[in-house]
């Protein structure tokens, strides 16, 4: 997905965190802290059947700066605020519903899906989304803000 600035309102409470040099990070990517590499990484680097739970447990925020693979340095990360993310159509989202990373079947860097599983939640829906909708407004819940 191309760099997409997703912040729609609120103070993003930014922090600069190191990135894993092999990863490319785009603006709008959902990021987690990887304790193995001591760096932030984007969602597609999470693997396994329980990817949503693994990601949520280490979720730090949304990338506000882009970085090429092979580069080093810090990523500017929003740890708070309201964002608009892509989501699958076909389900209605109500205010306060939880969202998890991905599209329900696969990991995606800038896509969320409705979930009722507490251990997968990375944010809460802020505005109703009709079944046919393909974007949703979300207030993120960074582990850094907990």
N, C-alpha and C. Protein backbone atom coordinates (compact mmCIF):
# COMPACT_ATOMS: atom_id res chain seq x y z
N UNK A 1 0.84 -1.17 0.00
CA UNK A 1 0.00 0.00 0.00
C UNK A 1 0.89 1.23 0.00
N UNK A 2 0.49 2.22 -0.73
CA UNK A 2 1.24 3.48 -0.80
C UNK A 2 1.15 4.23 0.51
N UNK A 3 2.10 5.14 0.72
CA UNK A 3 2.08 5.97 1.92
C UNK A 3 0.74 6.70 2.00
N UNK A 4 0.03 6.53 3.12
CA UNK A 4 -1.26 7.17 3.32
C UNK A 4 -1.31 7.77 4.72
N UNK A 5 -1.42 9.09 4.78
CA UNK A 5 -1.52 9.76 6.07
C UNK A 5 -2.92 9.51 6.61
N UNK A 6 -3.05 8.79 7.71
CA UNK A 6 -4.34 8.32 8.19
C UNK A 6 -4.90 9.07 9.39
N UNK A 7 -4.12 9.94 10.01
CA UNK A 7 -4.59 10.71 11.17
C UNK A 7 -5.71 11.65 10.73
N UNK A 8 -6.85 11.61 11.44
CA UNK A 8 -7.95 12.50 11.09
C UNK A 8 -8.20 13.55 12.17
N UNK A 9 -7.81 13.29 13.42
CA UNK A 9 -7.94 14.29 14.48
C UNK A 9 -7.25 13.77 15.74
N UNK A 10 -7.01 14.73 16.64
CA UNK A 10 -6.42 14.38 17.93
C UNK A 10 -4.92 14.60 17.96
N UNK A 11 -4.40 14.69 19.15
CA UNK A 11 -2.96 14.82 19.36
C UNK A 11 -2.33 13.43 19.20
N UNK A 12 -1.45 13.24 18.22
CA UNK A 12 -0.93 11.90 17.97
C UNK A 12 0.09 11.40 19.00
N UNK A 13 0.56 12.27 19.90
CA UNK A 13 1.56 11.87 20.90
C UNK A 13 2.63 11.00 20.26
N UNK A 14 3.54 11.66 19.61
CA UNK A 14 4.55 10.95 18.83
C UNK A 14 5.76 10.54 19.66
N UNK A 15 6.40 9.50 19.17
CA UNK A 15 7.64 9.02 19.74
C UNK A 15 8.49 8.51 18.57
N UNK A 16 9.79 8.69 18.66
CA UNK A 16 10.71 8.17 17.64
C UNK A 16 11.28 6.85 18.14
N UNK A 17 11.06 5.79 17.37
CA UNK A 17 11.54 4.46 17.74
C UNK A 17 12.40 3.88 16.62
N UNK A 18 13.43 3.10 16.96
CA UNK A 18 14.28 2.53 15.92
C UNK A 18 13.53 1.54 15.06
N UNK A 19 13.91 1.49 13.77
CA UNK A 19 13.30 0.52 12.86
C UNK A 19 14.27 -0.62 12.60
N UNK A 20 13.73 -1.74 12.22
CA UNK A 20 14.53 -2.89 11.80
C UNK A 20 15.01 -2.61 10.38
N UNK A 21 16.30 -2.66 10.15
CA UNK A 21 16.86 -2.17 8.89
C UNK A 21 16.34 -2.90 7.66
N UNK A 22 15.98 -4.16 7.75
CA UNK A 22 15.53 -4.91 6.58
C UNK A 22 14.11 -4.54 6.13
N UNK A 23 13.34 -3.90 6.99
CA UNK A 23 11.94 -3.58 6.69
C UNK A 23 11.79 -2.24 5.99
N UNK A 24 10.83 -2.17 5.07
CA UNK A 24 10.37 -0.89 4.52
C UNK A 24 9.15 -0.49 5.34
N UNK A 25 9.12 0.76 5.76
CA UNK A 25 7.99 1.29 6.53
C UNK A 25 7.36 2.40 5.71
N UNK A 26 6.03 2.38 5.59
CA UNK A 26 5.32 3.43 4.88
C UNK A 26 4.46 4.23 5.86
N UNK A 27 4.23 5.48 5.53
CA UNK A 27 3.34 6.31 6.36
C UNK A 27 1.98 5.63 6.41
N UNK A 28 1.44 5.50 7.62
CA UNK A 28 0.15 4.85 7.80
C UNK A 28 0.24 3.39 8.21
N UNK A 29 1.45 2.80 8.18
CA UNK A 29 1.59 1.41 8.60
C UNK A 29 1.32 1.27 10.09
N UNK A 30 0.63 0.22 10.47
CA UNK A 30 0.44 -0.14 11.87
C UNK A 30 1.70 -0.87 12.32
N UNK A 31 2.25 -0.46 13.47
CA UNK A 31 3.55 -0.94 13.92
C UNK A 31 3.47 -1.62 15.28
N UNK A 32 4.36 -2.59 15.47
CA UNK A 32 4.49 -3.24 16.78
C UNK A 32 5.96 -3.24 17.18
N UNK A 33 6.23 -3.43 18.48
CA UNK A 33 7.59 -3.51 18.99
C UNK A 33 8.03 -4.96 18.96
N UNK A 34 9.11 -5.24 18.25
CA UNK A 34 9.68 -6.58 18.17
C UNK A 34 10.84 -6.66 19.15
N UNK A 35 10.64 -7.34 20.26
CA UNK A 35 11.67 -7.43 21.30
C UNK A 35 12.89 -8.22 20.83
N UNK A 36 12.72 -9.07 19.83
CA UNK A 36 13.86 -9.84 19.30
C UNK A 36 14.84 -8.95 18.57
N UNK A 37 14.34 -7.99 17.80
CA UNK A 37 15.20 -7.08 17.04
C UNK A 37 15.37 -5.73 17.71
N UNK A 38 14.65 -5.50 18.81
CA UNK A 38 14.65 -4.20 19.50
C UNK A 38 14.35 -3.06 18.54
N UNK A 39 13.27 -3.23 17.79
CA UNK A 39 12.88 -2.25 16.79
C UNK A 39 11.39 -2.36 16.50
N UNK A 40 10.83 -1.28 15.90
CA UNK A 40 9.44 -1.36 15.44
C UNK A 40 9.43 -2.04 14.08
N UNK A 41 8.35 -2.77 13.84
CA UNK A 41 8.18 -3.47 12.57
C UNK A 41 6.72 -3.33 12.16
N UNK A 42 6.45 -3.47 10.86
CA UNK A 42 5.07 -3.36 10.41
C UNK A 42 4.37 -4.71 10.47
N UNK A 43 3.08 -4.66 10.33
CA UNK A 43 2.22 -5.83 10.58
C UNK A 43 2.57 -7.05 9.75
N UNK A 44 2.96 -6.90 8.49
CA UNK A 44 3.18 -8.07 7.64
C UNK A 44 4.34 -8.94 8.11
N UNK A 45 5.12 -8.47 9.07
CA UNK A 45 6.22 -9.28 9.59
C UNK A 45 5.78 -10.21 10.71
N UNK A 46 4.52 -10.10 11.14
CA UNK A 46 3.98 -11.01 12.16
C UNK A 46 3.51 -12.26 11.46
N UNK A 47 3.80 -13.42 12.02
CA UNK A 47 3.39 -14.67 11.38
C UNK A 47 2.64 -15.55 12.37
N UNK A 48 2.07 -16.62 11.86
CA UNK A 48 1.39 -17.59 12.70
C UNK A 48 -0.11 -17.41 12.71
N UNK A 49 -0.79 -18.45 13.12
CA UNK A 49 -2.25 -18.44 13.14
C UNK A 49 -2.81 -17.41 14.12
N UNK A 50 -2.04 -17.07 15.16
CA UNK A 50 -2.50 -16.12 16.16
C UNK A 50 -1.87 -14.75 15.95
N UNK A 51 -1.67 -14.37 14.69
CA UNK A 51 -0.98 -13.11 14.37
C UNK A 51 -1.66 -11.89 15.00
N UNK A 52 -2.98 -11.87 15.05
CA UNK A 52 -3.68 -10.69 15.59
C UNK A 52 -3.40 -10.51 17.08
N UNK A 53 -3.33 -11.61 17.82
CA UNK A 53 -3.03 -11.54 19.25
C UNK A 53 -1.58 -11.14 19.47
N UNK A 54 -0.66 -11.71 18.71
CA UNK A 54 0.76 -11.36 18.83
C UNK A 54 0.95 -9.87 18.55
N UNK A 55 0.32 -9.38 17.48
CA UNK A 55 0.46 -7.98 17.10
C UNK A 55 -0.10 -7.07 18.19
N UNK A 56 -1.31 -7.35 18.65
CA UNK A 56 -1.97 -6.49 19.64
C UNK A 56 -1.16 -6.40 20.93
N UNK A 57 -0.53 -7.48 21.32
CA UNK A 57 0.24 -7.50 22.57
C UNK A 57 1.42 -6.54 22.53
N UNK A 58 1.91 -6.21 21.34
CA UNK A 58 3.09 -5.35 21.21
C UNK A 58 2.81 -4.10 20.37
N UNK A 59 1.54 -3.79 20.12
CA UNK A 59 1.16 -2.67 19.26
C UNK A 59 1.64 -1.34 19.83
N UNK A 60 2.39 -0.56 19.03
CA UNK A 60 2.88 0.74 19.51
C UNK A 60 2.21 1.92 18.82
N UNK A 61 1.74 1.77 17.58
CA UNK A 61 1.08 2.90 16.94
C UNK A 61 1.14 2.87 15.43
N UNK A 62 1.04 4.08 14.85
CA UNK A 62 0.95 4.27 13.41
C UNK A 62 2.16 5.06 12.91
N UNK A 63 2.77 4.59 11.85
CA UNK A 63 3.95 5.27 11.29
C UNK A 63 3.57 6.61 10.69
N UNK A 64 4.32 7.64 11.09
CA UNK A 64 4.13 8.98 10.53
C UNK A 64 5.30 9.37 9.63
N UNK A 65 6.26 8.47 9.47
CA UNK A 65 7.39 8.71 8.56
C UNK A 65 7.66 7.43 7.79
N UNK A 66 8.17 7.59 6.58
CA UNK A 66 8.47 6.45 5.70
C UNK A 66 9.97 6.19 5.67
N UNK A 67 10.33 4.91 5.50
CA UNK A 67 11.74 4.52 5.47
C UNK A 67 11.91 3.34 4.52
N UNK A 68 12.90 3.41 3.67
CA UNK A 68 13.20 2.33 2.73
C UNK A 68 13.81 1.13 3.45
N UNK A 69 13.65 -0.05 2.88
CA UNK A 69 14.36 -1.22 3.37
C UNK A 69 15.85 -0.97 3.22
N UNK A 70 16.61 -1.41 4.19
CA UNK A 70 18.05 -1.21 4.16
C UNK A 70 18.49 0.05 4.89
N UNK A 71 17.54 0.90 5.25
CA UNK A 71 17.88 2.13 5.97
C UNK A 71 17.82 1.87 7.48
N UNK A 72 18.51 2.72 8.21
CA UNK A 72 18.47 2.65 9.66
C UNK A 72 17.92 3.96 10.17
N UNK A 73 17.82 4.09 11.46
CA UNK A 73 17.30 5.32 12.04
C UNK A 73 15.99 5.08 12.74
N UNK A 74 15.31 6.18 13.05
CA UNK A 74 14.08 6.11 13.82
C UNK A 74 12.85 6.38 12.96
N UNK A 75 11.76 5.75 13.35
CA UNK A 75 10.45 5.97 12.74
C UNK A 75 9.66 6.86 13.69
N UNK A 76 9.02 7.90 13.16
CA UNK A 76 8.13 8.71 13.97
C UNK A 76 6.80 7.96 14.08
N UNK A 77 6.38 7.67 15.31
CA UNK A 77 5.21 6.83 15.55
C UNK A 77 4.16 7.61 16.35
N UNK A 78 2.91 7.62 15.85
CA UNK A 78 1.78 8.19 16.59
C UNK A 78 1.27 7.13 17.55
N UNK A 79 1.23 7.46 18.83
CA UNK A 79 0.77 6.51 19.83
C UNK A 79 -0.65 6.79 20.32
N UNK A 80 -1.26 7.83 19.77
CA UNK A 80 -2.61 8.22 20.18
C UNK A 80 -3.26 8.94 19.01
N UNK A 81 -4.57 9.09 19.05
CA UNK A 81 -5.28 9.84 18.02
C UNK A 81 -6.33 9.00 17.31
N UNK A 82 -7.04 9.67 16.42
CA UNK A 82 -8.10 9.05 15.63
C UNK A 82 -7.63 8.92 14.19
N UNK A 83 -7.81 7.74 13.62
CA UNK A 83 -7.29 7.42 12.29
C UNK A 83 -8.38 6.80 11.43
N UNK A 84 -8.20 6.89 10.13
CA UNK A 84 -9.10 6.21 9.20
C UNK A 84 -8.32 5.11 8.49
N UNK A 85 -8.78 3.87 8.64
CA UNK A 85 -8.11 2.72 8.05
C UNK A 85 -9.02 2.01 7.06
N UNK A 86 -8.40 1.30 6.15
CA UNK A 86 -9.13 0.42 5.25
C UNK A 86 -9.66 -0.75 6.07
N UNK A 87 -10.79 -1.31 5.62
CA UNK A 87 -11.38 -2.48 6.27
C UNK A 87 -12.19 -3.24 5.24
N UNK A 88 -12.46 -4.52 5.48
CA UNK A 88 -13.27 -5.29 4.53
C UNK A 88 -14.72 -4.82 4.52
N UNK A 89 -15.35 -4.87 3.37
CA UNK A 89 -16.78 -4.60 3.31
C UNK A 89 -17.51 -5.87 3.72
N UNK A 90 -18.81 -5.75 3.93
CA UNK A 90 -19.61 -6.93 4.25
C UNK A 90 -20.05 -7.02 5.69
N UNK A 91 -19.48 -6.19 6.56
CA UNK A 91 -19.89 -6.20 7.96
C UNK A 91 -20.13 -4.77 8.42
N UNK A 92 -21.15 -4.59 9.23
CA UNK A 92 -21.43 -3.29 9.83
C UNK A 92 -20.56 -3.15 11.08
N UNK A 93 -19.96 -1.97 11.26
CA UNK A 93 -19.16 -1.68 12.44
C UNK A 93 -19.91 -0.63 13.25
N UNK A 94 -20.09 -0.90 14.54
CA UNK A 94 -20.77 0.03 15.43
C UNK A 94 -19.74 0.77 16.29
N UNK A 95 -20.13 1.94 16.77
CA UNK A 95 -19.27 2.71 17.66
C UNK A 95 -18.91 1.84 18.87
N UNK A 96 -17.68 1.85 19.24
CA UNK A 96 -17.04 1.09 20.33
C UNK A 96 -16.67 -0.34 19.97
N UNK A 97 -17.03 -0.84 18.77
CA UNK A 97 -16.56 -2.16 18.37
C UNK A 97 -15.03 -2.15 18.38
N UNK A 98 -14.44 -3.28 18.69
CA UNK A 98 -12.99 -3.40 18.64
C UNK A 98 -12.53 -3.73 17.23
N UNK A 99 -11.30 -3.34 16.92
CA UNK A 99 -10.69 -3.72 15.64
C UNK A 99 -9.34 -4.36 15.89
N UNK A 100 -8.99 -5.27 14.98
CA UNK A 100 -7.72 -5.99 15.01
C UNK A 100 -6.99 -5.73 13.69
N UNK A 101 -5.74 -6.08 13.65
CA UNK A 101 -4.92 -5.93 12.44
C UNK A 101 -5.37 -6.92 11.37
N UNK A 102 -5.29 -6.53 10.12
CA UNK A 102 -5.55 -7.43 9.00
C UNK A 102 -6.95 -7.31 8.44
N UNK A 103 -7.27 -8.25 7.56
CA UNK A 103 -8.57 -8.23 6.89
C UNK A 103 -9.47 -9.39 7.32
N UNK A 104 -9.08 -10.09 8.37
CA UNK A 104 -9.85 -11.22 8.86
C UNK A 104 -9.27 -12.55 8.45
N UNK A 105 -8.47 -12.57 7.39
CA UNK A 105 -7.85 -13.82 6.95
C UNK A 105 -6.34 -13.68 6.75
N UNK A 106 -5.86 -12.44 6.63
CA UNK A 106 -4.42 -12.22 6.40
C UNK A 106 -3.97 -10.92 7.04
N UNK A 107 -2.68 -10.84 7.32
CA UNK A 107 -2.08 -9.63 7.87
C UNK A 107 -2.02 -8.56 6.78
N UNK A 108 -2.23 -7.32 7.15
CA UNK A 108 -2.10 -6.19 6.23
C UNK A 108 -1.61 -4.99 7.04
N UNK A 109 -0.69 -4.22 6.47
CA UNK A 109 -0.06 -3.12 7.20
C UNK A 109 -0.99 -1.97 7.54
N UNK A 110 -2.02 -1.72 6.71
CA UNK A 110 -2.87 -0.55 6.91
C UNK A 110 -4.35 -0.90 6.85
N UNK A 111 -4.68 -2.13 7.26
CA UNK A 111 -6.06 -2.61 7.22
C UNK A 111 -6.44 -3.19 8.57
N UNK A 112 -7.66 -2.89 9.01
CA UNK A 112 -8.18 -3.43 10.26
C UNK A 112 -9.48 -4.17 9.99
N UNK A 113 -9.86 -5.02 10.95
CA UNK A 113 -11.08 -5.79 10.85
C UNK A 113 -11.76 -5.81 12.21
N UNK A 114 -13.07 -5.83 12.21
CA UNK A 114 -13.86 -5.88 13.45
C UNK A 114 -13.55 -7.17 14.21
N UNK A 115 -13.40 -7.05 15.54
CA UNK A 115 -13.18 -8.22 16.38
C UNK A 115 -13.83 -8.02 17.74
N UNK A 116 -14.27 -9.12 18.33
CA UNK A 116 -14.80 -9.10 19.70
C UNK A 116 -13.82 -9.76 20.66
N UNK A 117 -12.69 -10.22 20.15
CA UNK A 117 -11.68 -10.89 20.97
C UNK A 117 -10.79 -9.85 21.64
N UNK A 118 -10.89 -9.74 22.95
CA UNK A 118 -10.19 -8.69 23.70
C UNK A 118 -8.68 -8.68 23.43
N UNK A 119 -8.05 -9.82 23.32
CA UNK A 119 -6.62 -9.91 23.12
C UNK A 119 -6.14 -9.48 21.75
N UNK A 120 -7.05 -9.23 20.81
CA UNK A 120 -6.70 -8.81 19.45
C UNK A 120 -6.92 -7.32 19.21
N UNK A 121 -7.58 -6.63 20.12
CA UNK A 121 -8.01 -5.25 19.90
C UNK A 121 -6.84 -4.27 19.93
N UNK A 122 -6.73 -3.46 18.85
CA UNK A 122 -5.73 -2.39 18.78
C UNK A 122 -6.40 -1.01 18.73
N UNK A 123 -7.72 -0.98 18.70
CA UNK A 123 -8.45 0.28 18.66
C UNK A 123 -9.94 0.06 18.74
N UNK A 124 -10.65 1.18 18.83
CA UNK A 124 -12.11 1.16 18.91
C UNK A 124 -12.72 2.01 17.81
N UNK A 125 -13.82 1.55 17.25
CA UNK A 125 -14.53 2.25 16.19
C UNK A 125 -15.16 3.52 16.75
N UNK A 126 -15.04 4.63 15.99
CA UNK A 126 -15.56 5.94 16.42
C UNK A 126 -16.80 6.38 15.67
N UNK A 127 -17.05 5.80 14.50
CA UNK A 127 -18.19 6.20 13.69
C UNK A 127 -18.77 4.97 13.01
N UNK A 128 -20.08 4.92 12.90
CA UNK A 128 -20.73 3.78 12.24
C UNK A 128 -20.17 3.56 10.85
N UNK A 129 -19.98 2.28 10.49
CA UNK A 129 -19.58 1.93 9.14
C UNK A 129 -20.63 0.97 8.60
N UNK A 130 -21.24 1.33 7.49
CA UNK A 130 -22.23 0.47 6.85
C UNK A 130 -21.57 -0.78 6.30
N UNK A 131 -22.35 -1.81 6.05
CA UNK A 131 -21.82 -3.07 5.52
C UNK A 131 -21.03 -2.88 4.24
N UNK A 132 -21.46 -1.96 3.39
CA UNK A 132 -20.80 -1.74 2.10
C UNK A 132 -19.53 -0.89 2.22
N UNK A 133 -19.31 -0.26 3.38
CA UNK A 133 -18.16 0.62 3.56
C UNK A 133 -16.84 -0.11 3.50
N UNK A 134 -15.79 0.61 3.10
CA UNK A 134 -14.45 0.01 3.01
C UNK A 134 -13.42 0.76 3.84
N UNK A 135 -13.86 1.75 4.63
CA UNK A 135 -12.99 2.43 5.58
C UNK A 135 -13.71 2.60 6.90
N UNK A 136 -12.93 2.74 7.98
CA UNK A 136 -13.52 2.89 9.30
C UNK A 136 -12.65 3.85 10.12
N UNK A 137 -13.33 4.67 10.94
CA UNK A 137 -12.62 5.57 11.84
C UNK A 137 -12.35 4.85 13.15
N UNK A 138 -11.09 4.95 13.61
CA UNK A 138 -10.64 4.19 14.77
C UNK A 138 -9.81 5.07 15.70
N UNK A 139 -10.02 4.94 16.99
CA UNK A 139 -9.11 5.51 17.98
C UNK A 139 -8.18 4.38 18.41
N UNK A 140 -6.88 4.57 18.15
CA UNK A 140 -5.93 3.51 18.44
C UNK A 140 -5.68 3.38 19.94
N UNK A 141 -5.25 2.18 20.33
CA UNK A 141 -4.95 1.86 21.73
C UNK A 141 -3.52 1.29 21.80
N UNK A 142 -2.54 2.18 21.74
CA UNK A 142 -1.15 1.77 21.80
C UNK A 142 -0.81 1.19 23.16
N UNK A 143 0.03 0.17 23.18
CA UNK A 143 0.50 -0.38 24.46
C UNK A 143 1.36 0.63 25.19
N UNK A 144 1.92 1.61 24.49
CA UNK A 144 2.71 2.65 25.13
C UNK A 144 1.84 3.63 25.92
N UNK A 145 0.54 3.67 25.61
CA UNK A 145 -0.38 4.57 26.29
C UNK A 145 -1.18 3.87 27.38
N UNK A 146 -0.96 2.59 27.57
CA UNK A 146 -1.73 1.82 28.57
C UNK A 146 -1.14 2.00 29.95
